[in-house]
Amino acid sequence: MADMVKRFCNTFLVEGVFLLVIGMLLLVLPQVSTMALGLVISVALIIGGIYKFISSVIRRDEIEKSWLSAMIALLMIVTGVYLTIRPLFSLFVLTMAVGLYFVLEGVNSMIMAFEGKGVLKHWWVGIFAGLAQFALAFIILFGLPGTALYTIGILIGVSMLLSGIALISVYTGAGCPRMMEA
C-alpha cells in the first residue's frame, strides 16, 4: 500500500483538490446540484426503460413472461418522463427516501450499540450516532417539501468535501514529494 501511495502521490493531491472544490461548489449551490441529480435519475429511468423494452422485444422467445418485462420497461419510461416533467416531485421522493434511510440507520446504530453494551467500551457512541441520525431524519422529513430543494445537494457536497480532505491527507501524510519536485 505504501508503495502505491508513493507512486501515485500527485494523483491523490489532484483528485483531493478536485473533490474539495466540487464539494464546496455543491455546498454553495445545493439547489442546482439537487435538481441536476433529479434530472440524471429521470433520464436514467428513461434510458434504462428503453433498453429494457427493446431487450424484452428482441428476447421475447427466450423470456418466459416477456410481456411482464415490457410492462416494467414501460413503467420505467413513464416514470422517467413524469419525473422529468415534474422535477420537484422527484426531489420530494428522493429527499423522503434519504430521510427514511436516516431513520433506518438510526435504528441500526442503536441496536448495534445495545448489542455491544457488554463487549464494547464505548458502546454509547452508537447511541449518540443513532440519535444524530434520528435528528437528521427529523430535520429532513419534517422540513418537506422545503428540504427537498437542497438536502441531496448538501449531502453529496459534504461527502465530496470529506473525500477531498481525506485524499489530501493521504498526500500530506505519506511524505510525498511536492509537485514541483516530482
N, C-alpha and C. Protein backbone atom coordinates (compact mmCIF):
# COMPACT_ATOMS: atom_id res chain seq x y z
N MET A 1 0.83 -1.19 0.00
CA MET A 1 0.00 0.00 0.00
C MET A 1 0.87 1.25 0.00
N ALA A 2 1.93 1.24 0.81
CA ALA A 2 2.80 2.40 0.90
C ALA A 2 3.47 2.70 -0.44
N ASP A 3 3.87 1.64 -1.16
CA ASP A 3 4.48 1.84 -2.48
C ASP A 3 3.49 2.46 -3.45
N MET A 4 2.26 1.99 -3.41
CA MET A 4 1.23 2.52 -4.30
C MET A 4 0.98 3.99 -4.00
N VAL A 5 0.92 4.33 -2.73
CA VAL A 5 0.69 5.73 -2.34
C VAL A 5 1.85 6.60 -2.83
N LYS A 6 3.07 6.13 -2.64
CA LYS A 6 4.24 6.90 -3.10
C LYS A 6 4.22 7.07 -4.62
N ARG A 7 3.85 5.99 -5.35
CA ARG A 7 3.84 6.04 -6.81
C ARG A 7 2.80 7.02 -7.35
N PHE A 8 1.66 7.12 -6.66
CA PHE A 8 0.58 7.95 -7.16
C PHE A 8 0.30 9.16 -6.26
N CYS A 9 1.33 9.66 -5.60
CA CYS A 9 1.18 10.77 -4.66
C CYS A 9 0.44 11.96 -5.27
N ASN A 10 0.92 12.41 -6.40
CA ASN A 10 0.34 13.60 -7.00
C ASN A 10 -1.10 13.36 -7.46
N THR A 11 -1.42 12.14 -7.82
CA THR A 11 -2.78 11.81 -8.19
C THR A 11 -3.72 12.00 -7.00
N PHE A 12 -3.27 11.58 -5.82
CA PHE A 12 -4.06 11.78 -4.60
C PHE A 12 -4.32 13.26 -4.37
N LEU A 13 -3.28 14.07 -4.55
CA LEU A 13 -3.42 15.51 -4.33
C LEU A 13 -4.38 16.13 -5.33
N VAL A 14 -4.20 15.83 -6.61
CA VAL A 14 -5.04 16.42 -7.65
C VAL A 14 -6.50 16.00 -7.46
N GLU A 15 -6.74 14.71 -7.23
CA GLU A 15 -8.10 14.24 -7.02
C GLU A 15 -8.70 14.86 -5.75
N GLY A 16 -7.89 14.96 -4.71
CA GLY A 16 -8.36 15.56 -3.46
C GLY A 16 -8.77 17.01 -3.62
N VAL A 17 -7.94 17.78 -4.31
CA VAL A 17 -8.26 19.20 -4.54
C VAL A 17 -9.50 19.31 -5.42
N PHE A 18 -9.59 18.47 -6.46
CA PHE A 18 -10.76 18.48 -7.34
C PHE A 18 -12.04 18.20 -6.54
N LEU A 19 -12.03 17.14 -5.73
CA LEU A 19 -13.21 16.81 -4.93
C LEU A 19 -13.54 17.89 -3.91
N LEU A 20 -12.50 18.50 -3.35
CA LEU A 20 -12.69 19.58 -2.39
C LEU A 20 -13.40 20.76 -3.06
N VAL A 21 -12.94 21.15 -4.23
CA VAL A 21 -13.53 22.28 -4.96
C VAL A 21 -14.97 21.95 -5.38
N ILE A 22 -15.18 20.76 -5.94
CA ILE A 22 -16.53 20.36 -6.36
C ILE A 22 -17.46 20.31 -5.14
N GLY A 23 -16.97 19.74 -4.03
CA GLY A 23 -17.78 19.69 -2.82
C GLY A 23 -18.18 21.07 -2.33
N MET A 24 -17.24 22.02 -2.38
CA MET A 24 -17.57 23.39 -1.96
C MET A 24 -18.59 24.02 -2.90
N LEU A 25 -18.45 23.78 -4.21
CA LEU A 25 -19.43 24.31 -5.16
C LEU A 25 -20.82 23.73 -4.90
N LEU A 26 -20.88 22.44 -4.62
CA LEU A 26 -22.16 21.81 -4.33
C LEU A 26 -22.79 22.39 -3.06
N LEU A 27 -21.95 22.71 -2.09
CA LEU A 27 -22.47 23.29 -0.85
C LEU A 27 -22.92 24.73 -1.06
N VAL A 28 -22.27 25.44 -1.96
CA VAL A 28 -22.66 26.82 -2.25
C VAL A 28 -23.95 26.84 -3.08
N LEU A 29 -24.11 25.86 -3.98
CA LEU A 29 -25.27 25.79 -4.86
C LEU A 29 -26.02 24.47 -4.69
N PRO A 30 -26.55 24.18 -3.49
CA PRO A 30 -27.18 22.88 -3.28
C PRO A 30 -28.44 22.66 -4.11
N GLN A 31 -29.18 23.73 -4.41
CA GLN A 31 -30.39 23.55 -5.21
C GLN A 31 -30.04 23.09 -6.62
N VAL A 32 -28.99 23.67 -7.20
CA VAL A 32 -28.59 23.30 -8.56
C VAL A 32 -28.16 21.83 -8.61
N SER A 33 -27.34 21.42 -7.64
CA SER A 33 -26.87 20.04 -7.65
C SER A 33 -28.00 19.06 -7.36
N THR A 34 -28.94 19.44 -6.51
CA THR A 34 -30.07 18.57 -6.22
C THR A 34 -30.95 18.41 -7.46
N MET A 35 -31.21 19.51 -8.14
CA MET A 35 -32.01 19.45 -9.37
C MET A 35 -31.30 18.62 -10.44
N ALA A 36 -29.99 18.79 -10.54
CA ALA A 36 -29.22 18.03 -11.54
C ALA A 36 -29.30 16.54 -11.25
N LEU A 37 -29.19 16.15 -9.99
CA LEU A 37 -29.28 14.74 -9.64
C LEU A 37 -30.66 14.18 -9.97
N GLY A 38 -31.69 14.95 -9.67
CA GLY A 38 -33.05 14.52 -10.00
C GLY A 38 -33.22 14.31 -11.50
N LEU A 39 -32.63 15.20 -12.29
CA LEU A 39 -32.71 15.08 -13.74
C LEU A 39 -31.92 13.86 -14.24
N VAL A 40 -30.76 13.62 -13.64
CA VAL A 40 -29.95 12.45 -14.03
C VAL A 40 -30.72 11.16 -13.76
N ILE A 41 -31.37 11.08 -12.61
CA ILE A 41 -32.15 9.88 -12.27
C ILE A 41 -33.33 9.72 -13.24
N SER A 42 -33.99 10.81 -13.58
CA SER A 42 -35.10 10.75 -14.53
C SER A 42 -34.65 10.24 -15.89
N VAL A 43 -33.55 10.80 -16.39
CA VAL A 43 -33.02 10.38 -17.69
C VAL A 43 -32.55 8.92 -17.63
N ALA A 44 -31.95 8.53 -16.51
CA ALA A 44 -31.51 7.14 -16.36
C ALA A 44 -32.69 6.18 -16.41
N LEU A 45 -33.80 6.56 -15.81
CA LEU A 45 -35.01 5.72 -15.87
C LEU A 45 -35.51 5.59 -17.31
N ILE A 46 -35.50 6.69 -18.03
CA ILE A 46 -35.96 6.66 -19.43
C ILE A 46 -35.05 5.78 -20.27
N ILE A 47 -33.75 6.00 -20.18
CA ILE A 47 -32.79 5.22 -20.97
C ILE A 47 -32.85 3.73 -20.57
N GLY A 48 -32.87 3.47 -19.28
CA GLY A 48 -32.96 2.08 -18.81
C GLY A 48 -34.25 1.42 -19.26
N GLY A 49 -35.35 2.16 -19.23
CA GLY A 49 -36.63 1.62 -19.67
C GLY A 49 -36.64 1.31 -21.16
N ILE A 50 -36.05 2.21 -21.96
CA ILE A 50 -35.98 1.97 -23.40
C ILE A 50 -35.15 0.72 -23.68
N TYR A 51 -34.00 0.62 -23.01
CA TYR A 51 -33.15 -0.56 -23.20
C TYR A 51 -33.89 -1.84 -22.81
N LYS A 52 -34.56 -1.80 -21.66
CA LYS A 52 -35.28 -2.98 -21.17
C LYS A 52 -36.42 -3.36 -22.12
N PHE A 53 -37.11 -2.35 -22.66
CA PHE A 53 -38.20 -2.64 -23.58
C PHE A 53 -37.68 -3.29 -24.86
N ILE A 54 -36.63 -2.70 -25.43
CA ILE A 54 -36.04 -3.28 -26.65
C ILE A 54 -35.53 -4.69 -26.38
N SER A 55 -34.88 -4.88 -25.25
CA SER A 55 -34.37 -6.20 -24.88
C SER A 55 -35.51 -7.20 -24.73
N SER A 56 -36.63 -6.78 -24.12
CA SER A 56 -37.75 -7.71 -23.95
C SER A 56 -38.38 -8.09 -25.28
N VAL A 57 -38.41 -7.14 -26.21
CA VAL A 57 -38.98 -7.45 -27.53
C VAL A 57 -38.04 -8.38 -28.30
N ILE A 58 -36.76 -8.08 -28.30
CA ILE A 58 -35.79 -8.90 -29.03
C ILE A 58 -35.72 -10.32 -28.46
N ARG A 59 -35.76 -10.44 -27.13
CA ARG A 59 -35.61 -11.75 -26.49
C ARG A 59 -36.94 -12.36 -26.06
N ARG A 60 -38.03 -11.96 -26.69
CA ARG A 60 -39.35 -12.44 -26.25
C ARG A 60 -39.50 -13.95 -26.32
N ASP A 61 -38.77 -14.60 -27.22
CA ASP A 61 -38.84 -16.06 -27.32
C ASP A 61 -38.06 -16.74 -26.20
N GLU A 62 -37.06 -16.05 -25.68
CA GLU A 62 -36.21 -16.63 -24.63
C GLU A 62 -36.76 -16.37 -23.23
N ILE A 63 -37.51 -15.29 -23.07
CA ILE A 63 -38.04 -14.91 -21.76
C ILE A 63 -39.45 -15.48 -21.62
N GLU A 64 -39.69 -16.15 -20.50
CA GLU A 64 -40.98 -16.81 -20.31
C GLU A 64 -42.14 -15.82 -20.29
N LYS A 65 -41.98 -14.73 -19.55
CA LYS A 65 -43.04 -13.73 -19.46
C LYS A 65 -42.48 -12.40 -19.96
N SER A 66 -42.22 -12.34 -21.25
CA SER A 66 -41.62 -11.13 -21.82
C SER A 66 -42.57 -9.95 -21.73
N TRP A 67 -43.88 -10.20 -21.71
CA TRP A 67 -44.84 -9.12 -21.59
C TRP A 67 -44.68 -8.39 -20.25
N LEU A 68 -44.31 -9.14 -19.19
CA LEU A 68 -44.11 -8.52 -17.88
C LEU A 68 -42.87 -7.63 -17.90
N SER A 69 -41.82 -8.12 -18.53
CA SER A 69 -40.60 -7.32 -18.67
C SER A 69 -40.88 -6.05 -19.47
N ALA A 70 -41.68 -6.16 -20.52
CA ALA A 70 -42.03 -5.00 -21.34
C ALA A 70 -42.89 -4.01 -20.54
N MET A 71 -43.77 -4.51 -19.70
CA MET A 71 -44.61 -3.62 -18.86
C MET A 71 -43.76 -2.86 -17.85
N ILE A 72 -42.80 -3.56 -17.26
CA ILE A 72 -41.89 -2.89 -16.31
C ILE A 72 -41.09 -1.82 -17.04
N ALA A 73 -40.65 -2.13 -18.25
CA ALA A 73 -39.89 -1.16 -19.04
C ALA A 73 -40.74 0.08 -19.34
N LEU A 74 -41.98 -0.14 -19.73
CA LEU A 74 -42.87 0.99 -19.99
C LEU A 74 -43.12 1.81 -18.73
N LEU A 75 -43.25 1.14 -17.60
CA LEU A 75 -43.41 1.84 -16.33
C LEU A 75 -42.18 2.70 -16.02
N MET A 76 -41.00 2.15 -16.28
CA MET A 76 -39.76 2.92 -16.08
C MET A 76 -39.74 4.16 -16.97
N ILE A 77 -40.12 3.99 -18.23
CA ILE A 77 -40.12 5.12 -19.17
C ILE A 77 -41.12 6.19 -18.73
N VAL A 78 -42.34 5.76 -18.40
CA VAL A 78 -43.38 6.71 -17.98
C VAL A 78 -42.95 7.43 -16.71
N THR A 79 -42.38 6.69 -15.75
CA THR A 79 -41.91 7.31 -14.51
C THR A 79 -40.80 8.32 -14.79
N GLY A 80 -39.86 7.95 -15.64
CA GLY A 80 -38.77 8.86 -16.00
C GLY A 80 -39.28 10.13 -16.66
N VAL A 81 -40.24 9.98 -17.58
CA VAL A 81 -40.82 11.15 -18.26
C VAL A 81 -41.56 12.02 -17.25
N TYR A 82 -42.35 11.38 -16.39
CA TYR A 82 -43.11 12.13 -15.38
C TYR A 82 -42.17 12.91 -14.45
N LEU A 83 -41.09 12.24 -14.00
CA LEU A 83 -40.15 12.92 -13.10
C LEU A 83 -39.37 14.02 -13.81
N THR A 84 -39.20 13.88 -15.12
CA THR A 84 -38.54 14.95 -15.89
C THR A 84 -39.46 16.15 -16.02
N ILE A 85 -40.74 15.87 -16.23
CA ILE A 85 -41.72 16.96 -16.36
C ILE A 85 -41.97 17.62 -15.01
N ARG A 86 -41.99 16.82 -13.94
CA ARG A 86 -42.26 17.33 -12.59
C ARG A 86 -41.03 17.11 -11.70
N PRO A 87 -39.96 17.88 -11.91
CA PRO A 87 -38.72 17.64 -11.18
C PRO A 87 -38.84 17.83 -9.65
N LEU A 88 -39.72 18.71 -9.23
CA LEU A 88 -39.87 18.90 -7.77
C LEU A 88 -40.43 17.66 -7.10
N PHE A 89 -41.29 16.93 -7.81
CA PHE A 89 -41.83 15.69 -7.25
C PHE A 89 -40.70 14.67 -7.07
N SER A 90 -39.81 14.58 -8.07
CA SER A 90 -38.70 13.63 -7.96
C SER A 90 -37.79 14.01 -6.78
N LEU A 91 -37.59 15.31 -6.58
CA LEU A 91 -36.77 15.74 -5.44
C LEU A 91 -37.46 15.41 -4.13
N PHE A 92 -38.76 15.56 -4.10
CA PHE A 92 -39.54 15.23 -2.90
C PHE A 92 -39.37 13.74 -2.57
N VAL A 93 -39.51 12.88 -3.58
CA VAL A 93 -39.38 11.43 -3.37
C VAL A 93 -37.95 11.07 -2.95
N LEU A 94 -36.96 11.65 -3.62
CA LEU A 94 -35.56 11.39 -3.25
C LEU A 94 -35.27 11.82 -1.82
N THR A 95 -35.75 12.99 -1.46
CA THR A 95 -35.50 13.51 -0.11
C THR A 95 -36.20 12.65 0.93
N MET A 96 -37.41 12.20 0.62
CA MET A 96 -38.12 11.32 1.55
C MET A 96 -37.35 10.01 1.73
N ALA A 97 -36.80 9.49 0.65
CA ALA A 97 -36.01 8.26 0.72
C ALA A 97 -34.77 8.47 1.59
N VAL A 98 -34.12 9.62 1.45
CA VAL A 98 -32.94 9.91 2.28
C VAL A 98 -33.35 10.01 3.75
N GLY A 99 -34.47 10.67 4.02
CA GLY A 99 -34.95 10.77 5.40
C GLY A 99 -35.24 9.41 6.00
N LEU A 100 -35.89 8.55 5.24
CA LEU A 100 -36.18 7.20 5.72
C LEU A 100 -34.89 6.39 5.91
N TYR A 101 -33.92 6.63 5.04
CA TYR A 101 -32.61 5.98 5.20
C TYR A 101 -32.00 6.35 6.56
N PHE A 102 -32.06 7.63 6.92
CA PHE A 102 -31.51 8.04 8.21
C PHE A 102 -32.28 7.45 9.39
N VAL A 103 -33.59 7.28 9.24
CA VAL A 103 -34.36 6.62 10.30
C VAL A 103 -33.88 5.19 10.48
N LEU A 104 -33.75 4.46 9.37
CA LEU A 104 -33.30 3.06 9.45
C LEU A 104 -31.87 2.96 9.97
N GLU A 105 -31.00 3.86 9.53
CA GLU A 105 -29.62 3.85 10.04
C GLU A 105 -29.59 4.16 11.54
N GLY A 106 -30.46 5.06 12.00
CA GLY A 106 -30.54 5.38 13.42
C GLY A 106 -30.96 4.16 14.24
N VAL A 107 -31.96 3.46 13.76
CA VAL A 107 -32.40 2.23 14.43
C VAL A 107 -31.26 1.22 14.46
N ASN A 108 -30.60 1.03 13.32
CA ASN A 108 -29.49 0.08 13.23
C ASN A 108 -28.35 0.46 14.18
N SER A 109 -27.99 1.73 14.23
CA SER A 109 -26.90 2.17 15.12
C SER A 109 -27.24 1.89 16.58
N MET A 110 -28.48 2.15 16.96
CA MET A 110 -28.87 1.94 18.35
C MET A 110 -28.92 0.45 18.70
N ILE A 111 -29.43 -0.35 17.79
CA ILE A 111 -29.46 -1.80 18.04
C ILE A 111 -28.04 -2.33 18.21
N MET A 112 -27.13 -1.91 17.32
CA MET A 112 -25.74 -2.35 17.40
C MET A 112 -25.10 -1.89 18.72
N ALA A 113 -25.43 -0.68 19.15
CA ALA A 113 -24.88 -0.17 20.39
C ALA A 113 -25.34 -1.00 21.58
N PHE A 114 -26.63 -1.27 21.64
CA PHE A 114 -27.15 -2.05 22.77
C PHE A 114 -26.64 -3.48 22.76
N GLU A 115 -26.47 -4.05 21.56
CA GLU A 115 -25.92 -5.40 21.47
C GLU A 115 -24.46 -5.45 21.91
N GLY A 116 -23.74 -4.37 21.72
CA GLY A 116 -22.33 -4.32 22.10
C GLY A 116 -22.07 -3.77 23.48
N LYS A 117 -23.13 -3.52 24.23
CA LYS A 117 -23.01 -2.89 25.55
C LYS A 117 -22.08 -3.66 26.48
N GLY A 118 -22.17 -4.96 26.51
CA GLY A 118 -21.32 -5.74 27.41
C GLY A 118 -19.94 -6.01 26.86
N VAL A 119 -19.74 -5.76 25.58
CA VAL A 119 -18.49 -6.11 24.92
C VAL A 119 -17.63 -4.89 24.62
N LEU A 120 -18.26 -3.83 24.17
CA LEU A 120 -17.53 -2.64 23.73
C LEU A 120 -17.42 -1.61 24.84
N LYS A 121 -16.25 -1.01 24.95
CA LYS A 121 -16.01 0.00 25.97
C LYS A 121 -16.81 1.27 25.69
N HIS A 122 -16.84 1.66 24.42
CA HIS A 122 -17.53 2.91 24.06
C HIS A 122 -18.82 2.62 23.27
N TRP A 123 -19.63 1.72 23.80
CA TRP A 123 -20.88 1.34 23.15
C TRP A 123 -21.82 2.52 23.00
N TRP A 124 -21.72 3.47 23.90
CA TRP A 124 -22.62 4.62 23.91
C TRP A 124 -22.45 5.51 22.68
N VAL A 125 -21.31 5.40 21.99
CA VAL A 125 -21.11 6.18 20.77
C VAL A 125 -22.16 5.80 19.73
N GLY A 126 -22.54 4.53 19.68
CA GLY A 126 -23.59 4.08 18.78
C GLY A 126 -24.93 4.72 19.10
N ILE A 127 -25.20 4.91 20.40
CA ILE A 127 -26.44 5.59 20.80
C ILE A 127 -26.40 7.03 20.31
N PHE A 128 -25.26 7.69 20.50
CA PHE A 128 -25.10 9.07 20.05
C PHE A 128 -25.28 9.16 18.53
N ALA A 129 -24.66 8.22 17.79
CA ALA A 129 -24.78 8.22 16.33
C ALA A 129 -26.23 8.01 15.92
N GLY A 130 -26.92 7.08 16.58
CA GLY A 130 -28.33 6.83 16.28
C GLY A 130 -29.19 8.05 16.52
N LEU A 131 -28.95 8.74 17.64
CA LEU A 131 -29.71 9.96 17.93
C LEU A 131 -29.44 11.05 16.90
N ALA A 132 -28.18 11.16 16.47
CA ALA A 132 -27.82 12.14 15.43
C ALA A 132 -28.52 11.79 14.12
N GLN A 133 -28.58 10.50 13.80
CA GLN A 133 -29.26 10.08 12.57
C GLN A 133 -30.76 10.34 12.65
N PHE A 134 -31.35 10.13 13.83
CA PHE A 134 -32.76 10.46 14.01
C PHE A 134 -32.99 11.96 13.86
N ALA A 135 -32.08 12.76 14.39
CA ALA A 135 -32.20 14.21 14.28
C ALA A 135 -32.15 14.63 12.81
N LEU A 136 -31.22 14.05 12.05
CA LEU A 136 -31.15 14.36 10.62
C LEU A 136 -32.45 13.96 9.91
N ALA A 137 -32.95 12.78 10.24
CA ALA A 137 -34.20 12.32 9.63
C ALA A 137 -35.34 13.28 9.96
N PHE A 138 -35.40 13.72 11.20
CA PHE A 138 -36.45 14.63 11.65
C PHE A 138 -36.37 15.94 10.86
N ILE A 139 -35.17 16.50 10.77
CA ILE A 139 -34.98 17.77 10.04
C ILE A 139 -35.38 17.60 8.57
N ILE A 140 -34.96 16.50 7.97
CA ILE A 140 -35.24 16.29 6.55
C ILE A 140 -36.72 16.02 6.31
N LEU A 141 -37.30 15.07 7.06
CA LEU A 141 -38.68 14.66 6.80
C LEU A 141 -39.70 15.71 7.22
N PHE A 142 -39.48 16.37 8.34
CA PHE A 142 -40.47 17.35 8.78
C PHE A 142 -40.25 18.71 8.15
N GLY A 143 -39.17 18.85 7.39
CA GLY A 143 -38.93 20.07 6.65
C GLY A 143 -39.46 20.01 5.22
N LEU A 144 -39.96 18.81 4.83
CA LEU A 144 -40.50 18.67 3.48
C LEU A 144 -41.71 19.57 3.31
N PRO A 145 -41.95 20.14 2.17
CA PRO A 145 -41.26 19.97 0.90
C PRO A 145 -40.04 20.89 0.74
N GLY A 146 -39.84 21.83 1.66
CA GLY A 146 -38.73 22.78 1.53
C GLY A 146 -37.36 22.14 1.49
N THR A 147 -37.15 21.10 2.30
CA THR A 147 -35.83 20.47 2.34
C THR A 147 -35.52 19.70 1.06
N ALA A 148 -36.53 19.43 0.25
CA ALA A 148 -36.31 18.70 -1.00
C ALA A 148 -35.43 19.48 -1.96
N LEU A 149 -35.40 20.79 -1.82
CA LEU A 149 -34.64 21.62 -2.76
C LEU A 149 -33.14 21.59 -2.52
N TYR A 150 -32.71 21.22 -1.32
CA TYR A 150 -31.27 21.33 -1.04
C TYR A 150 -30.65 20.14 -0.32
N THR A 151 -31.42 19.24 0.22
CA THR A 151 -30.88 18.15 1.04
C THR A 151 -29.88 17.28 0.28
N ILE A 152 -30.26 16.79 -0.87
CA ILE A 152 -29.40 15.88 -1.63
C ILE A 152 -28.10 16.60 -2.01
N GLY A 153 -28.22 17.84 -2.47
CA GLY A 153 -27.03 18.62 -2.85
C GLY A 153 -26.08 18.82 -1.69
N ILE A 154 -26.62 19.11 -0.52
CA ILE A 154 -25.77 19.30 0.65
C ILE A 154 -25.09 17.99 1.04
N LEU A 155 -25.84 16.89 1.05
CA LEU A 155 -25.25 15.61 1.44
C LEU A 155 -24.14 15.18 0.47
N ILE A 156 -24.37 15.35 -0.82
CA ILE A 156 -23.34 15.00 -1.80
C ILE A 156 -22.15 15.95 -1.67
N GLY A 157 -22.43 17.23 -1.46
CA GLY A 157 -21.36 18.21 -1.29
C GLY A 157 -20.48 17.90 -0.08
N VAL A 158 -21.10 17.58 1.05
CA VAL A 158 -20.34 17.23 2.25
C VAL A 158 -19.52 15.96 2.00
N SER A 159 -20.12 14.98 1.33
CA SER A 159 -19.40 13.74 1.04
C SER A 159 -18.18 14.01 0.18
N MET A 160 -18.33 14.80 -0.87
CA MET A 160 -17.19 15.10 -1.74
C MET A 160 -16.14 15.93 -1.01
N LEU A 161 -16.58 16.86 -0.19
CA LEU A 161 -15.66 17.68 0.59
C LEU A 161 -14.82 16.80 1.51
N LEU A 162 -15.46 15.89 2.22
CA LEU A 162 -14.75 15.00 3.13
C LEU A 162 -13.82 14.05 2.37
N SER A 163 -14.28 13.57 1.21
CA SER A 163 -13.41 12.70 0.39
C SER A 163 -12.18 13.47 -0.07
N GLY A 164 -12.37 14.70 -0.47
CA GLY A 164 -11.24 15.54 -0.88
C GLY A 164 -10.25 15.74 0.25
N ILE A 165 -10.76 16.04 1.43
CA ILE A 165 -9.89 16.23 2.60
C ILE A 165 -9.13 14.94 2.90
N ALA A 166 -9.82 13.80 2.81
CA ALA A 166 -9.17 12.52 3.08
C ALA A 166 -8.05 12.25 2.09
N LEU A 167 -8.28 12.52 0.81
CA LEU A 167 -7.25 12.28 -0.20
C LEU A 167 -6.06 13.23 -0.03
N ILE A 168 -6.34 14.47 0.32
CA ILE A 168 -5.26 15.43 0.56
C ILE A 168 -4.45 15.01 1.78
N SER A 169 -5.14 14.45 2.79
CA SER A 169 -4.42 13.99 3.98
C SER A 169 -3.54 12.79 3.67
N VAL A 170 -3.96 11.94 2.72
CA VAL A 170 -3.11 10.83 2.28
C VAL A 170 -1.84 11.40 1.66
N TYR A 171 -2.01 12.41 0.81
CA TYR A 171 -0.88 13.05 0.15
C TYR A 171 0.08 13.66 1.17
N THR A 172 -0.45 14.42 2.12
CA THR A 172 0.42 15.10 3.09
C THR A 172 1.00 14.13 4.11
N GLY A 173 0.26 13.09 4.45
CA GLY A 173 0.72 12.16 5.47
C GLY A 173 1.68 11.09 4.97
N ALA A 174 1.76 10.93 3.66
CA ALA A 174 2.62 9.87 3.11
C ALA A 174 4.02 10.35 2.80
N GLY A 175 4.33 11.60 3.12
CA GLY A 175 5.65 12.12 2.85
C GLY A 175 5.94 12.22 1.35
N CYS A 176 4.92 12.57 0.60
CA CYS A 176 5.08 12.68 -0.86
C CYS A 176 5.94 13.88 -1.22
N PRO A 177 6.70 13.75 -2.30
CA PRO A 177 7.44 14.92 -2.75
C PRO A 177 6.47 15.95 -3.29
N ARG A 178 6.82 17.21 -3.16
CA ARG A 178 5.94 18.27 -3.66
C ARG A 178 5.83 18.16 -5.18
N MET A 179 4.75 18.66 -5.74
CA MET A 179 4.52 18.52 -7.18
C MET A 179 5.66 19.11 -7.99
N MET A 180 6.29 20.17 -7.51
CA MET A 180 7.38 20.81 -8.26
C MET A 180 8.62 19.90 -8.31
N GLU A 181 8.80 19.10 -7.26
CA GLU A 181 9.98 18.22 -7.17
C GLU A 181 9.81 16.94 -7.99
N ALA A 182 8.54 16.53 -8.22
CA ALA A 182 8.26 15.25 -8.88
C ALA A 182 8.50 15.24 -10.34
